[in-house]
Amino acid sequence: MSEYNRYFALAGAIALGLVVQALLLALYAVPAPYKTAVAYTKAYYKLDSSMESYMCEESRFEDDVNITAQYIYDKTREANARGFDKSFLKSQLYNIETHTTYASDTAAMVDISAVRRTAINPLFAWVAKLFCMGGSYPVEGTIEVVKENGKWKVCANSFSEA
């Protein structure tokens, strides 16, 4: 009978671990302003057009010009003027820190700070960090986030880069 008690205790511990893991996953799935701000910021510095999916409707266009497409086009022209491909201006963010200030249930300001490194491709960013190659540049900004159709969306950002 003592052998069955050991198996019963082991099975109980495993079951408890699975329940705790399921609860933690459910908590992680809860939408939060800082998650949207971080995802938007990563896409912004990777020059990824998916950043548009994180933007609110009113900030996607300015004077009938798609803001995301214009930003990527400007970065591509900047890279081409320097004799490079657009991928040379892509950056990876590290050490991301956020501070959220809620203005109401549907609006918040997210202060975000991070360190950015050149990321021509994901392997380059990893190797550069591993061997301390290339420069690290601080990124700081404030992102205005509002709840639109039940999801947090970015309406404005103010990034400053060194």
Protein backbone atom coordinates (compact mmCIF):
# COMPACT_ATOMS: atom_id res chain seq x y z
CA MET A 1 0.00 0.00 0.00
CA SER A 2 2.87 2.40 0.62
CA GLU A 3 3.94 1.97 -3.00
CA TYR A 4 0.51 3.17 -4.15
CA ASN A 5 0.77 6.23 -1.89
CA ARG A 6 4.01 7.29 -3.59
CA TYR A 7 2.41 7.03 -7.04
CA PHE A 8 -0.68 8.84 -5.80
CA ALA A 9 1.48 11.70 -4.43
CA LEU A 10 3.44 11.91 -7.68
CA ALA A 11 0.25 11.96 -9.76
CA GLY A 12 -1.18 14.67 -7.48
CA ALA A 13 1.94 16.82 -7.86
CA ILE A 14 1.85 16.48 -11.64
CA ALA A 15 -1.87 17.33 -11.73
CA LEU A 16 -1.30 20.38 -9.52
CA GLY A 17 1.54 21.52 -11.80
CA LEU A 18 -0.67 21.20 -14.88
CA VAL A 19 -3.46 23.21 -13.23
CA VAL A 20 -1.05 25.98 -12.20
CA GLN A 21 0.43 26.04 -15.72
CA ALA A 22 -3.06 26.33 -17.27
CA LEU A 23 -3.91 29.22 -14.93
CA LEU A 24 -0.68 31.03 -15.79
CA LEU A 25 -1.35 30.64 -19.51
CA ALA A 26 -4.86 31.99 -19.04
CA LEU A 27 -3.46 35.01 -17.20
CA TYR A 28 -0.91 35.63 -19.93
CA ALA A 29 -3.67 35.69 -22.56
CA VAL A 30 -5.40 38.64 -20.86
CA PRO A 31 -4.90 41.71 -23.08
CA ALA A 32 -2.84 44.50 -21.54
CA PRO A 33 -1.65 47.87 -22.87
CA TYR A 34 2.03 47.11 -22.29
CA LYS A 35 1.84 43.91 -24.39
CA THR A 36 0.48 45.88 -27.34
CA ALA A 37 3.08 48.62 -26.86
CA VAL A 38 5.95 46.12 -26.79
CA ALA A 39 4.68 44.22 -29.85
CA TYR A 40 4.22 47.48 -31.77
CA THR A 41 7.68 48.75 -30.79
CA LYS A 42 9.35 45.51 -31.87
CA ALA A 43 7.60 45.65 -35.25
CA TYR A 44 8.44 49.37 -35.58
CA TYR A 45 12.16 48.77 -35.21
CA LYS A 46 12.13 45.62 -37.35
CA LEU A 47 10.53 47.67 -40.13
CA ASP A 48 7.73 45.12 -40.18
CA SER A 49 4.44 46.15 -41.78
CA SER A 50 2.60 44.12 -39.11
CA MET A 51 2.91 47.20 -36.86
CA GLU A 52 -0.19 48.50 -38.64
CA SER A 53 -2.30 45.80 -36.99
CA TYR A 54 -1.44 47.32 -33.59
CA MET A 55 -2.47 50.85 -34.60
CA CYS A 56 -5.87 52.41 -33.97
CA GLU A 57 -8.00 53.39 -36.96
CA GLU A 58 -7.50 57.14 -36.57
CA SER A 59 -3.69 56.93 -36.63
CA ARG A 60 -3.24 54.62 -39.63
CA PHE A 61 -3.65 57.38 -42.20
CA GLU A 62 -2.56 61.00 -42.30
CA ASP A 63 -3.68 63.11 -45.25
CA ASP A 64 -4.73 59.92 -47.09
CA VAL A 65 -1.22 58.49 -46.73
CA ASN A 66 -0.69 55.15 -45.00
CA ILE A 67 1.66 55.99 -42.10
CA THR A 68 3.18 52.51 -41.92
CA ALA A 69 3.89 52.27 -45.64
CA GLN A 70 5.36 55.79 -45.63
CA TYR A 71 7.63 54.99 -42.66
CA ILE A 72 8.95 51.81 -44.29
CA TYR A 73 9.38 53.64 -47.62
CA ASP A 74 11.35 56.45 -45.93
CA LYS A 75 13.61 53.93 -44.17
CA THR A 76 14.16 52.06 -47.44
CA ARG A 77 15.15 55.30 -49.19
CA GLU A 78 17.46 56.20 -46.30
CA ALA A 79 19.18 52.81 -46.54
CA ASN A 80 19.44 53.02 -50.33
CA ALA A 81 20.94 56.52 -50.08
CA ARG A 82 23.64 55.04 -47.85
CA GLY A 83 24.19 52.19 -50.30
CA PHE A 84 22.48 49.48 -48.27
CA ASP A 85 19.40 47.33 -48.34
CA LYS A 86 16.47 48.11 -46.03
CA SER A 87 17.45 45.18 -43.81
CA PHE A 88 20.57 47.07 -42.65
CA LEU A 89 18.32 49.50 -40.74
CA LYS A 90 16.39 46.79 -38.90
CA SER A 91 16.92 46.61 -35.16
CA GLN A 92 16.27 44.08 -32.41
CA LEU A 93 15.21 45.27 -28.96
CA TYR A 94 16.67 43.97 -25.71
CA ASN A 95 16.12 44.73 -22.02
CA ILE A 96 12.63 46.10 -22.63
CA GLU A 97 11.07 47.85 -19.64
CA THR A 98 7.61 49.38 -19.49
CA HIS A 99 5.60 51.49 -17.09
CA THR A 100 1.87 51.83 -17.68
CA THR A 101 -0.20 54.79 -16.49
CA TYR A 102 -3.94 54.32 -16.91
CA ALA A 103 -5.92 57.45 -17.80
CA SER A 104 -9.19 55.49 -17.82
CA ASP A 105 -10.48 51.98 -18.50
CA THR A 106 -10.00 52.54 -22.23
CA ALA A 107 -6.86 54.70 -22.39
CA ALA A 108 -3.34 54.38 -21.07
CA MET A 109 0.14 55.78 -21.55
CA VAL A 110 2.99 53.28 -21.71
CA ASP A 111 6.52 54.51 -21.09
CA ILE A 112 8.91 52.13 -22.80
CA SER A 113 12.68 51.91 -22.67
CA ALA A 114 14.94 49.39 -24.34
CA VAL A 115 18.30 48.82 -25.92
CA ARG A 116 18.42 48.43 -29.68
CA ARG A 117 21.01 46.64 -31.80
CA THR A 118 21.30 46.28 -35.55
CA ALA A 119 19.58 43.11 -36.73
CA ILE A 120 20.16 42.55 -40.43
CA ASN A 121 18.78 39.08 -39.76
CA PRO A 122 17.95 37.31 -36.47
CA LEU A 123 21.23 35.39 -36.47
CA PHE A 124 23.24 38.60 -36.90
CA ALA A 125 21.60 40.20 -33.86
CA TRP A 126 22.27 37.13 -31.73
CA VAL A 127 25.92 36.82 -32.80
CA ALA A 128 26.51 40.57 -32.39
CA LYS A 129 25.16 40.44 -28.86
CA LEU A 130 27.08 37.27 -28.00
CA PHE A 131 30.44 38.67 -29.15
CA CYS A 132 29.75 42.31 -28.13
CA MET A 133 29.99 43.50 -31.73
CA GLY A 134 28.30 46.64 -32.98
CA GLY A 135 26.74 49.36 -30.94
CA SER A 136 23.89 49.40 -28.49
CA TYR A 137 21.57 52.36 -28.65
CA PRO A 138 19.03 53.35 -26.01
CA VAL A 139 15.41 53.72 -27.05
CA GLU A 140 12.92 55.63 -24.94
CA GLY A 141 9.42 56.72 -25.69
CA THR A 142 5.85 57.09 -24.62
CA ILE A 143 3.10 55.25 -26.40
CA GLU A 144 -0.55 56.27 -26.19
CA VAL A 145 -2.74 53.17 -26.13
CA VAL A 146 -6.54 53.05 -26.34
CA LYS A 147 -9.03 50.22 -26.24
CA GLU A 148 -10.71 49.84 -29.62
CA ASN A 149 -13.24 47.06 -30.24
CA GLY A 150 -12.07 45.24 -27.10
CA LYS A 151 -8.36 45.29 -28.08
CA TRP A 152 -5.60 47.67 -27.07
CA LYS A 153 -4.33 49.73 -30.01
CA VAL A 154 -1.50 52.26 -30.37
CA CYS A 155 -2.58 55.77 -31.30
CA ALA A 156 0.66 57.74 -30.93
CA ASN A 157 4.31 57.22 -30.11
CA SER A 158 7.25 59.44 -29.29
CA PHE A 159 10.49 57.51 -29.64
CA SER A 160 13.81 59.19 -29.08
CA GLU A 161 16.98 57.45 -30.15
CA ALA A 162 20.56 58.18 -29.31
